[in-house]
PDB file of all heavy atoms in Angstrom:
ATOM      1  N   SER A   1     -69.188  78.198 108.024  1.00  0.00           N
ATOM      2  CA  SER A   1     -69.475  77.453 106.794  1.00  0.00           C
ATOM      3  C   SER A   1     -68.230  76.955 106.080  1.00  0.00           C
ATOM      4  O   SER A   1     -68.340  76.323 105.026  1.00  0.00           O
ATOM      5  CB  SER A   1     -70.286  78.341 105.837  1.00  0.00           C
ATOM      6  OG  SER A   1     -71.536  78.676 106.392  1.00  0.00           O
ATOM      7  N   ASP A   2     -67.061  77.216 106.643  1.00  0.00           N
ATOM      8  CA  ASP A   2     -65.793  76.814 106.020  1.00  0.00           C
ATOM      9  C   ASP A   2     -65.369  75.441 106.553  1.00  0.00           C
ATOM     10  O   ASP A   2     -64.968  75.321 107.707  1.00  0.00           O
ATOM     11  CB  ASP A   2     -64.723  77.853 106.338  1.00  0.00           C
ATOM     12  CG  ASP A   2     -63.386  77.526 105.703  1.00  0.00           C
ATOM     13  OD1 ASP A   2     -63.271  76.486 105.009  1.00  0.00           O
ATOM     14  OD2 ASP A   2     -62.434  78.302 105.919  1.00  0.00           O
ATOM     15  N   PRO A   3     -65.427  74.394 105.731  1.00  0.00           N
ATOM     16  CA  PRO A   3     -65.082  73.051 106.218  1.00  0.00           C
ATOM     17  C   PRO A   3     -63.621  72.888 106.584  1.00  0.00           C
ATOM     18  O   PRO A   3     -63.255  71.930 107.268  1.00  0.00           O
ATOM     19  CB  PRO A   3     -65.466  72.142 105.047  1.00  0.00           C
ATOM     20  CG  PRO A   3     -65.399  73.019 103.845  1.00  0.00           C
ATOM     21  CD  PRO A   3     -65.847  74.381 104.316  1.00  0.00           C
ATOM     22  N   SER A   4     -62.770  73.815 106.161  1.00  0.00           N
ATOM     23  CA  SER A   4     -61.351  73.716 106.503  1.00  0.00           C
ATOM     24  C   SER A   4     -61.066  74.227 107.905  1.00  0.00           C
ATOM     25  O   SER A   4     -59.981  74.014 108.435  1.00  0.00           O
ATOM     26  CB  SER A   4     -60.502  74.491 105.493  1.00  0.00           C
ATOM     27  OG  SER A   4     -60.700  75.893 105.618  1.00  0.00           O
ATOM     28  N   SER A   5     -62.030  74.895 108.513  1.00  0.00           N
ATOM     29  CA  SER A   5     -61.863  75.387 109.878  1.00  0.00           C
ATOM     30  C   SER A   5     -62.357  74.306 110.839  1.00  0.00           C
ATOM     31  O   SER A   5     -63.549  74.173 111.102  1.00  0.00           O
ATOM     32  CB  SER A   5     -62.655  76.682 110.089  1.00  0.00           C
ATOM     33  OG  SER A   5     -62.491  77.156 111.400  1.00  0.00           O
ATOM     34  N   SER A   6     -61.437  73.533 111.383  1.00  0.00           N
ATOM     35  CA  SER A   6     -61.798  72.334 112.132  1.00  0.00           C
ATOM     36  C   SER A   6     -62.240  72.614 113.561  1.00  0.00           C
ATOM     37  O   SER A   6     -62.529  71.682 114.315  1.00  0.00           O
ATOM     38  CB  SER A   6     -60.624  71.350 112.152  1.00  0.00           C
ATOM     39  OG  SER A   6     -59.518  71.916 112.827  1.00  0.00           O
ATOM     40  N   SER A   7     -62.306  73.881 113.950  1.00  0.00           N
ATOM     41  CA  SER A   7     -62.728  74.210 115.312  1.00  0.00           C
ATOM     42  C   SER A   7     -64.016  75.017 115.359  1.00  0.00           C
ATOM     43  O   SER A   7     -64.450  75.413 116.437  1.00  0.00           O
ATOM     44  CB  SER A   7     -61.619  74.983 116.033  1.00  0.00           C
ATOM     45  OG  SER A   7     -61.346  76.198 115.358  1.00  0.00           O
ATOM     46  N   VAL A   8     -64.630  75.239 114.196  1.00  0.00           N
ATOM     47  CA  VAL A   8     -65.854  76.040 114.125  1.00  0.00           C
ATOM     48  C   VAL A   8     -66.789  75.453 113.077  1.00  0.00           C
ATOM     49  O   VAL A   8     -66.376  75.204 111.949  1.00  0.00           O
ATOM     50  CB  VAL A   8     -65.552  77.511 113.747  1.00  0.00           C
ATOM     51  CG1 VAL A   8     -66.835  78.331 113.678  1.00  0.00           C
ATOM     52  CG2 VAL A   8     -64.576  78.138 114.732  1.00  0.00           C
ATOM     53  N   GLY A   9     -68.054  75.232 113.447  1.00  0.00           N
ATOM     54  CA  GLY A   9     -69.102  74.932 112.484  1.00  0.00           C
ATOM     55  C   GLY A   9     -68.904  73.682 111.652  1.00  0.00           C
ATOM     56  O   GLY A   9     -68.399  72.652 112.121  1.00  0.00           O
ATOM     57  N   PHE A  10     -69.313  73.761 110.396  1.00  0.00           N
ATOM     58  CA  PHE A  10     -69.228  72.666 109.441  1.00  0.00           C
ATOM     59  C   PHE A  10     -67.774  72.211 109.293  1.00  0.00           C
ATOM     60  O   PHE A  10     -66.893  73.012 109.005  1.00  0.00           O
ATOM     61  CB  PHE A  10     -69.785  73.143 108.099  1.00  0.00           C
ATOM     62  CG  PHE A  10     -69.712  72.125 106.995  1.00  0.00           C
ATOM     63  CD1 PHE A  10     -70.199  70.840 107.175  1.00  0.00           C
ATOM     64  CD2 PHE A  10     -69.177  72.461 105.764  1.00  0.00           C
ATOM     65  CE1 PHE A  10     -70.146  69.909 106.153  1.00  0.00           C
ATOM     66  CE2 PHE A  10     -69.126  71.544 104.733  1.00  0.00           C
ATOM     67  CZ  PHE A  10     -69.605  70.263 104.937  1.00  0.00           C
ATOM     68  N   GLY A  11     -67.513  70.945 109.528  1.00  0.00           N
ATOM     69  CA  GLY A  11     -66.155  70.427 109.477  1.00  0.00           C
ATOM     70  C   GLY A  11     -65.438  70.474 110.801  1.00  0.00           C
ATOM     71  O   GLY A  11     -64.258  70.105 110.889  1.00  0.00           O
ATOM     72  N   GLY A  12     -66.136  70.937 111.850  1.00  0.00           N
ATOM     73  CA  GLY A  12     -65.533  70.973 113.176  1.00  0.00           C
ATOM     74  C   GLY A  12     -65.240  69.575 113.699  1.00  0.00           C
ATOM     75  O   GLY A  12     -65.889  68.600 113.316  1.00  0.00           O
ATOM     76  N   ARG A  13     -64.250  69.481 114.566  1.00  0.00           N
ATOM     77  CA  ARG A  13     -63.913  68.191 115.170  1.00  0.00           C
ATOM     78  C   ARG A  13     -65.067  67.718 116.057  1.00  0.00           C
ATOM     79  O   ARG A  13     -65.628  68.495 116.820  1.00  0.00           O
ATOM     80  CB  ARG A  13     -62.636  68.290 115.992  1.00  0.00           C
ATOM     81  CG  ARG A  13     -61.387  68.579 115.160  1.00  0.00           C
ATOM     82  CD  ARG A  13     -61.009  67.378 114.301  1.00  0.00           C
ATOM     83  NE  ARG A  13     -59.697  67.554 113.696  1.00  0.00           N
ATOM     84  CZ  ARG A  13     -59.484  67.811 112.420  1.00  0.00           C
ATOM     85  NH1 ARG A  13     -60.516  67.955 111.610  1.00  0.00           N
ATOM     86  NH2 ARG A  13     -58.268  67.928 111.945  1.00  0.00           N
ATOM     87  N   PRO A  14     -65.414  66.443 116.001  1.00  0.00           N
ATOM     88  CA  PRO A  14     -66.544  65.932 116.776  1.00  0.00           C
ATOM     89  C   PRO A  14     -66.191  65.673 118.235  1.00  0.00           C
ATOM     90  O   PRO A  14     -65.028  65.784 118.641  1.00  0.00           O
ATOM     91  CB  PRO A  14     -66.875  64.616 116.063  1.00  0.00           C
ATOM     92  CG  PRO A  14     -65.555  64.151 115.543  1.00  0.00           C
ATOM     93  CD  PRO A  14     -64.821  65.402 115.133  1.00  0.00           C
ATOM     94  N   ASP A  15     -67.219  65.308 118.999  1.00  0.00           N
ATOM     95  CA  ASP A  15     -66.972  64.852 120.366  1.00  0.00           C
ATOM     96  C   ASP A  15     -66.452  63.422 120.327  1.00  0.00           C
ATOM     97  O   ASP A  15     -66.251  62.844 119.251  1.00  0.00           O
ATOM     98  CB  ASP A  15     -68.234  64.980 121.226  1.00  0.00           C
ATOM     99  CG  ASP A  15     -69.412  64.141 120.732  1.00  0.00           C
ATOM    100  OD1 ASP A  15     -69.204  63.127 120.022  1.00  0.00           O
ATOM    101  OD2 ASP A  15     -70.559  64.477 121.069  1.00  0.00           O
ATOM    102  N   ARG A  16     -66.208  62.822 121.479  1.00  0.00           N
ATOM    103  CA  ARG A  16     -65.586  61.503 121.496  1.00  0.00           C
ATOM    104  C   ARG A  16     -66.510  60.408 120.988  1.00  0.00           C
ATOM    105  O   ARG A  16     -66.055  59.308 120.705  1.00  0.00           O
ATOM    106  CB  ARG A  16     -65.078  61.175 122.896  1.00  0.00           C
ATOM    107  CG  ARG A  16     -66.144  60.987 123.956  1.00  0.00           C
ATOM    108  CD  ARG A  16     -65.469  60.733 125.293  1.00  0.00           C
ATOM    109  NE  ARG A  16     -66.413  60.337 126.320  1.00  0.00           N
ATOM    110  CZ  ARG A  16     -66.077  60.025 127.571  1.00  0.00           C
ATOM    111  NH1 ARG A  16     -64.812  60.076 127.941  1.00  0.00           N
ATOM    112  NH2 ARG A  16     -66.985  59.672 128.441  1.00  0.00           N
ATOM    113  N   GLU A  17     -67.819  60.728 120.819  1.00  0.00           N
ATOM    114  CA  GLU A  17     -68.761  59.770 120.248  1.00  0.00           C
ATOM    115  C   GLU A  17     -68.897  59.925 118.738  1.00  0.00           C
ATOM    116  O   GLU A  17     -69.606  59.148 118.102  1.00  0.00           O
ATOM    117  CB  GLU A  17     -70.140  59.944 120.902  1.00  0.00           C
ATOM    118  CG  GLU A  17     -70.126  59.905 122.421  1.00  0.00           C
ATOM    119  CD  GLU A  17     -69.649  58.568 122.961  1.00  0.00           C
ATOM    120  OE1 GLU A  17     -69.817  57.552 122.277  1.00  0.00           O
ATOM    121  OE2 GLU A  17     -69.081  58.549 124.076  1.00  0.00           O
ATOM    122  N   GLY A  18     -68.251  60.971 118.182  1.00  0.00           N
ATOM    123  CA  GLY A  18     -68.281  61.178 116.737  1.00  0.00           C
ATOM    124  C   GLY A  18     -69.335  62.150 116.256  1.00  0.00           C
ATOM    125  O   GLY A  18     -69.611  62.219 115.059  1.00  0.00           O
ATOM    126  N   TYR A  19     -69.911  62.945 117.166  1.00  0.00           N
ATOM    127  CA  TYR A  19     -70.944  63.910 116.797  1.00  0.00           C
ATOM    128  C   TYR A  19     -70.385  65.333 116.861  1.00  0.00           C
ATOM    129  O   TYR A  19     -69.720  65.703 117.839  1.00  0.00           O
ATOM    130  CB  TYR A  19     -72.149  63.813 117.732  1.00  0.00           C
ATOM    131  CG  TYR A  19     -72.854  62.483 117.689  1.00  0.00           C
ATOM    132  CD1 TYR A  19     -72.546  61.484 118.608  1.00  0.00           C
ATOM    133  CD2 TYR A  19     -73.839  62.226 116.732  1.00  0.00           C
ATOM    134  CE1 TYR A  19     -73.191  60.254 118.578  1.00  0.00           C
ATOM    135  CE2 TYR A  19     -74.495  60.997 116.695  1.00  0.00           C
ATOM    136  CZ  TYR A  19     -74.169  60.021 117.621  1.00  0.00           C
ATOM    137  OH  TYR A  19     -74.804  58.807 117.584  1.00  0.00           O
ATOM    138  N   VAL A  20     -70.683  66.127 115.845  1.00  0.00           N
ATOM    139  CA  VAL A  20     -70.298  67.532 115.843  1.00  0.00           C
ATOM    140  C   VAL A  20     -71.391  68.326 116.548  1.00  0.00           C
ATOM    141  O   VAL A  20     -72.552  68.320 116.128  1.00  0.00           O
ATOM    142  CB  VAL A  20     -70.112  68.069 114.409  1.00  0.00           C
ATOM    143  CG1 VAL A  20     -69.759  69.560 114.439  1.00  0.00           C
ATOM    144  CG2 VAL A  20     -69.041  67.284 113.678  1.00  0.00           C
ATOM    145  N   THR A  21     -71.040  68.993 117.628  1.00  0.00           N
ATOM    146  CA  THR A  21     -71.994  69.814 118.357  1.00  0.00           C
ATOM    147  C   THR A  21     -71.462  71.238 118.446  1.00  0.00           C
ATOM    148  O   THR A  21     -70.267  71.448 118.673  1.00  0.00           O
ATOM    149  CB  THR A  21     -72.253  69.260 119.774  1.00  0.00           C
ATOM    150  OG1 THR A  21     -71.055  69.302 120.538  1.00  0.00           O
ATOM    151  CG2 THR A  21     -72.751  67.826 119.703  1.00  0.00           C
ATOM    152  N   LEU A  22     -72.355  72.196 118.276  1.00  0.00           N
ATOM    153  CA  LEU A  22     -71.953  73.589 118.118  1.00  0.00           C
ATOM    154  C   LEU A  22     -72.504  74.483 119.224  1.00  0.00           C
ATOM    155  O   LEU A  22     -73.610  74.260 119.722  1.00  0.00           O
ATOM    156  CB  LEU A  22     -72.438  74.116 116.761  1.00  0.00           C
ATOM    157  CG  LEU A  22     -72.034  73.289 115.536  1.00  0.00           C
ATOM    158  CD1 LEU A  22     -72.600  73.927 114.274  1.00  0.00           C
ATOM    159  CD2 LEU A  22     -70.533  73.125 115.448  1.00  0.00           C
ATOM    160  N   ASP A  23     -71.717  75.502 119.577  1.00  0.00           N
ATOM    161  CA  ASP A  23     -72.093  76.492 120.580  1.00  0.00           C
ATOM    162  C   ASP A  23     -71.878  77.884 119.990  1.00  0.00           C
ATOM    163  O   ASP A  23     -70.889  78.108 119.292  1.00  0.00           O
ATOM    164  CB  ASP A  23     -71.227  76.373 121.833  1.00  0.00           C
ATOM    165  CG  ASP A  23     -71.201  74.976 122.429  1.00  0.00           C
ATOM    166  OD1 ASP A  23     -72.247  74.308 122.411  1.00  0.00           O
ATOM    167  OD2 ASP A  23     -70.127  74.553 122.898  1.00  0.00           O
ATOM    168  N   ALA A  24     -72.777  78.821 120.304  1.00  0.00           N
ATOM    169  CA  ALA A  24     -72.612  80.179 119.791  1.00  0.00           C
ATOM    170  C   ALA A  24     -73.437  81.162 120.610  1.00  0.00           C
ATOM    171  O   ALA A  24     -74.454  80.793 121.209  1.00  0.00           O
ATOM    172  CB  ALA A  24     -73.046  80.261 118.324  1.00  0.00           C
ATOM    173  N   CYS A  25     -72.979  82.417 120.630  1.00  0.00           N
ATOM    174  CA  CYS A  25     -73.789  83.476 121.219  1.00  0.00           C
ATOM    175  C   CYS A  25     -73.541  84.779 120.484  1.00  0.00           C
ATOM    176  O   CYS A  25     -72.547  84.948 119.777  1.00  0.00           O
ATOM    177  CB  CYS A  25     -73.527  83.639 122.709  1.00  0.00           C
ATOM    178  SG  CYS A  25     -71.938  84.359 123.156  1.00  0.00           S
ATOM    179  N   ILE A  26     -74.477  85.710 120.662  1.00  0.00           N
ATOM    180  CA  ILE A  26     -74.421  87.009 120.002  1.00  0.00           C
ATOM    181  C   ILE A  26     -75.001  88.041 120.958  1.00  0.00           C
ATOM    182  O   ILE A  26     -75.891  87.737 121.760  1.00  0.00           O
ATOM    183  CB  ILE A  26     -75.196  86.969 118.664  1.00  0.00           C
ATOM    184  CG1 ILE A  26     -74.885  88.187 117.801  1.00  0.00           C
ATOM    185  CG2 ILE A  26     -76.701  86.795 118.899  1.00  0.00           C
ATOM    186  CD1 ILE A  26     -75.358  88.033 116.350  1.00  0.00           C
ATOM    187  N   MET A  27     -74.489  89.273 120.913  1.00  0.00           N
ATOM    188  CA  MET A  27     -74.937  90.320 121.829  1.00  0.00           C
ATOM    189  C   MET A  27     -74.848  91.669 121.140  1.00  0.00           C
ATOM    190  O   MET A  27     -73.863  91.956 120.459  1.00  0.00           O
ATOM    191  CB  MET A  27     -74.084  90.311 123.097  1.00  0.00           C
ATOM    192  CG  MET A  27     -74.632  91.141 124.244  1.00  0.00           C
ATOM    193  SD  MET A  27     -73.692  90.822 125.775  1.00  0.00           S
ATOM    194  CE  MET A  27     -74.683  91.762 126.950  1.00  0.00           C
ATOM    195  N   ASN A  28     -75.893  92.508 121.304  1.00  0.00           N
ATOM    196  CA  ASN A  28     -75.905  93.796 120.630  1.00  0.00           C
ATOM    197  C   ASN A  28     -75.642  94.949 121.589  1.00  0.00           C
ATOM    198  O   ASN A  28     -75.395  94.753 122.784  1.00  0.00           O
ATOM    199  CB  ASN A  28     -77.221  94.000 119.857  1.00  0.00           C
ATOM    200  CG  ASN A  28     -78.434  94.151 120.772  1.00  0.00           C
ATOM    201  OD1 ASN A  28     -78.318  94.399 121.977  1.00  0.00           O
ATOM    202  ND2 ASN A  28     -79.612  94.014 120.193  1.00  0.00           N
ATOM    203  N   HIS A  29     -75.722  96.158 121.077  1.00  0.00           N
ATOM    204  CA  HIS A  29     -75.370  97.351 121.846  1.00  0.00           C
ATOM    205  C   HIS A  29     -76.373  97.673 122.937  1.00  0.00           C
ATOM    206  O   HIS A  29     -76.073  98.443 123.855  1.00  0.00           O
ATOM    207  CB  HIS A  29     -75.232  98.551 120.907  1.00  0.00           C
ATOM    208  CG  HIS A  29     -76.508  98.968 120.253  1.00  0.00           C
ATOM    209  ND1 HIS A  29     -77.083  98.238 119.230  1.00  0.00           N
ATOM    210  CD2 HIS A  29     -77.327 100.030 120.480  1.00  0.00           C
ATOM    211  CE1 HIS A  29     -78.189  98.830 118.839  1.00  0.00           C
ATOM    212  NE2 HIS A  29     -78.363  99.924 119.583  1.00  0.00           N
ATOM    213  N   GLU A  30     -77.558  97.118 122.865  1.00  0.00           N
ATOM    214  CA  GLU A  30     -78.584  97.373 123.871  1.00  0.00           C
ATOM    215  C   GLU A  30     -78.559  96.347 125.004  1.00  0.00           C
ATOM    216  O   GLU A  30     -79.379  96.408 125.919  1.00  0.00           O
ATOM    217  CB  GLU A  30     -79.964  97.398 123.220  1.00  0.00           C
ATOM    218  CG  GLU A  30     -80.137  98.555 122.227  1.00  0.00           C
ATOM    219  CD  GLU A  30     -81.507  98.586 121.599  1.00  0.00           C
ATOM    220  OE1 GLU A  30     -82.103  97.502 121.442  1.00  0.00           O
ATOM    221  OE2 GLU A  30     -81.983  99.698 121.276  1.00  0.00           O
ATOM    222  N   GLY A  31     -77.650  95.390 124.925  1.00  0.00           N
ATOM    223  CA  GLY A  31     -77.571  94.342 125.931  1.00  0.00           C
ATOM    224  C   GLY A  31     -78.437  93.152 125.636  1.00  0.00           C
ATOM    225  O   GLY A  31     -78.507  92.209 126.434  1.00  0.00           O
ATOM    226  N   ASP A  32     -79.134  93.160 124.491  1.00  0.00           N
ATOM    227  CA  ASP A  32     -79.892  91.985 124.076  1.00  0.00           C
ATOM    228  C   ASP A  32     -78.912  90.897 123.673  1.00  0.00           C
ATOM    229  O   ASP A  32     -77.868  91.174 123.050  1.00  0.00           O
ATOM    230  CB  ASP A  32     -80.802  92.318 122.890  1.00  0.00           C
ATOM    231  CG  ASP A  32     -81.819  93.392 123.229  1.00  0.00           C
ATOM    232  OD1 ASP A  32     -82.336  93.379 124.355  1.00  0.00           O
ATOM    233  OD2 ASP A  32     -82.082  94.246 122.349  1.00  0.00           O
ATOM    234  N   CYS A  33     -79.243  89.643 123.992  1.00  0.00           N
ATOM    235  CA  CYS A  33     -78.325  88.565 123.661  1.00  0.00           C
ATOM    236  C   CYS A  33     -79.082  87.262 123.449  1.00  0.00           C
ATOM    237  O   CYS A  33     -80.199  87.071 123.943  1.00  0.00           O
ATOM    238  CB  CYS A  33     -77.273  88.382 124.756  1.00  0.00           C
ATOM    239  SG  CYS A  33     -77.928  88.302 126.428  1.00  0.00           S
ATOM    240  N   GLY A  34     -78.468  86.372 122.698  1.00  0.00           N
ATOM    241  CA  GLY A  34     -79.039  85.056 122.434  1.00  0.00           C
ATOM    242  C   GLY A  34     -77.930  84.043 122.282  1.00  0.00           C
ATOM    243  O   GLY A  34     -76.806  84.386 121.895  1.00  0.00           O
ATOM    244  N   ALA A  35     -78.240  82.785 122.591  1.00  0.00           N
ATOM    245  CA  ALA A  35     -77.213  81.747 122.546  1.00  0.00           C
ATOM    246  C   ALA A  35     -77.837  80.391 122.278  1.00  0.00           C
ATOM    247  O   ALA A  35     -79.012  80.146 122.595  1.00  0.00           O
ATOM    248  CB  ALA A  35     -76.440  81.710 123.860  1.00  0.00           C
ATOM    249  N   VAL A  36     -77.026  79.509 121.709  1.00  0.00           N
ATOM    250  CA  VAL A  36     -77.378  78.102 121.549  1.00  0.00           C
ATOM    251  C   VAL A  36     -76.186  77.272 121.989  1.00  0.00           C
ATOM    252  O   VAL A  36     -75.037  77.695 121.863  1.00  0.00           O
ATOM    253  CB  VAL A  36     -77.773  77.746 120.105  1.00  0.00           C
ATOM    254  CG1 VAL A  36     -79.087  78.405 119.717  1.00  0.00           C
ATOM    255  CG2 VAL A  36     -76.673  78.139 119.114  1.00  0.00           C
ATOM    256  N   ALA A  37     -76.475  76.090 122.521  1.00  0.00           N
ATOM    257  CA  ALA A  37     -75.403  75.194 122.949  1.00  0.00           C
ATOM    258  C   ALA A  37     -75.790  73.761 122.649  1.00  0.00           C
ATOM    259  O   ALA A  37     -76.985  73.426 122.601  1.00  0.00           O
ATOM    260  CB  ALA A  37     -75.137  75.357 124.442  1.00  0.00           C
ATOM    261  N   PHE A  38     -74.767  72.919 122.420  1.00  0.00           N
ATOM    262  CA  PHE A  38     -74.986  71.499 122.143  1.00  0.00           C
ATOM    263  C   PHE A  38     -75.982  71.336 120.988  1.00  0.00           C
ATOM    264  O   PHE A  38     -76.847  70.485 120.992  1.00  0.00           O
ATOM    265  CB  PHE A  38     -75.480  70.787 123.406  1.00  0.00           C
ATOM    266  CG  PHE A  38     -75.415  69.289 123.332  1.00  0.00           C
ATOM    267  CD1 PHE A  38     -74.296  68.643 122.853  1.00  0.00           C
ATOM    268  CD2 PHE A  38     -76.492  68.521 123.761  1.00  0.00           C
ATOM    269  CE1 PHE A  38     -74.242  67.259 122.783  1.00  0.00           C
ATOM    270  CE2 PHE A  38     -76.453  67.138 123.696  1.00  0.00           C
ATOM    271  CZ  PHE A  38     -75.319  66.504 123.215  1.00  0.00           C
ATOM    272  N   LEU A  39     -75.798  72.184 119.961  1.00  0.00           N
ATOM    273  CA  LEU A  39     -76.674  72.186 118.792  1.00  0.00           C
ATOM    274  C   LEU A  39     -76.078  71.300 117.709  1.00  0.00           C
ATOM    275  O   LEU A  39     -74.899  71.433 117.382  1.00  0.00           O
ATOM    276  CB  LEU A  39     -76.843  73.612 118.269  1.00  0.00           C
ATOM    277  CG  LEU A  39     -77.659  73.795 116.983  1.00  0.00           C
ATOM    278  CD1 LEU A  39     -79.107  73.363 117.189  1.00  0.00           C
ATOM    279  CD2 LEU A  39     -77.583  75.250 116.514  1.00  0.00           C
TER     280      LEU A  39
END
């Protein structure tokens, strides 16, 4: 959520077409995991 961080989330640098697309994943102690890409 920090617009000054140009490599993560809001304020991130866009792709060469000018669109900001985001990737992320999360994993817990039981091995459960979830991810999103090109969001």
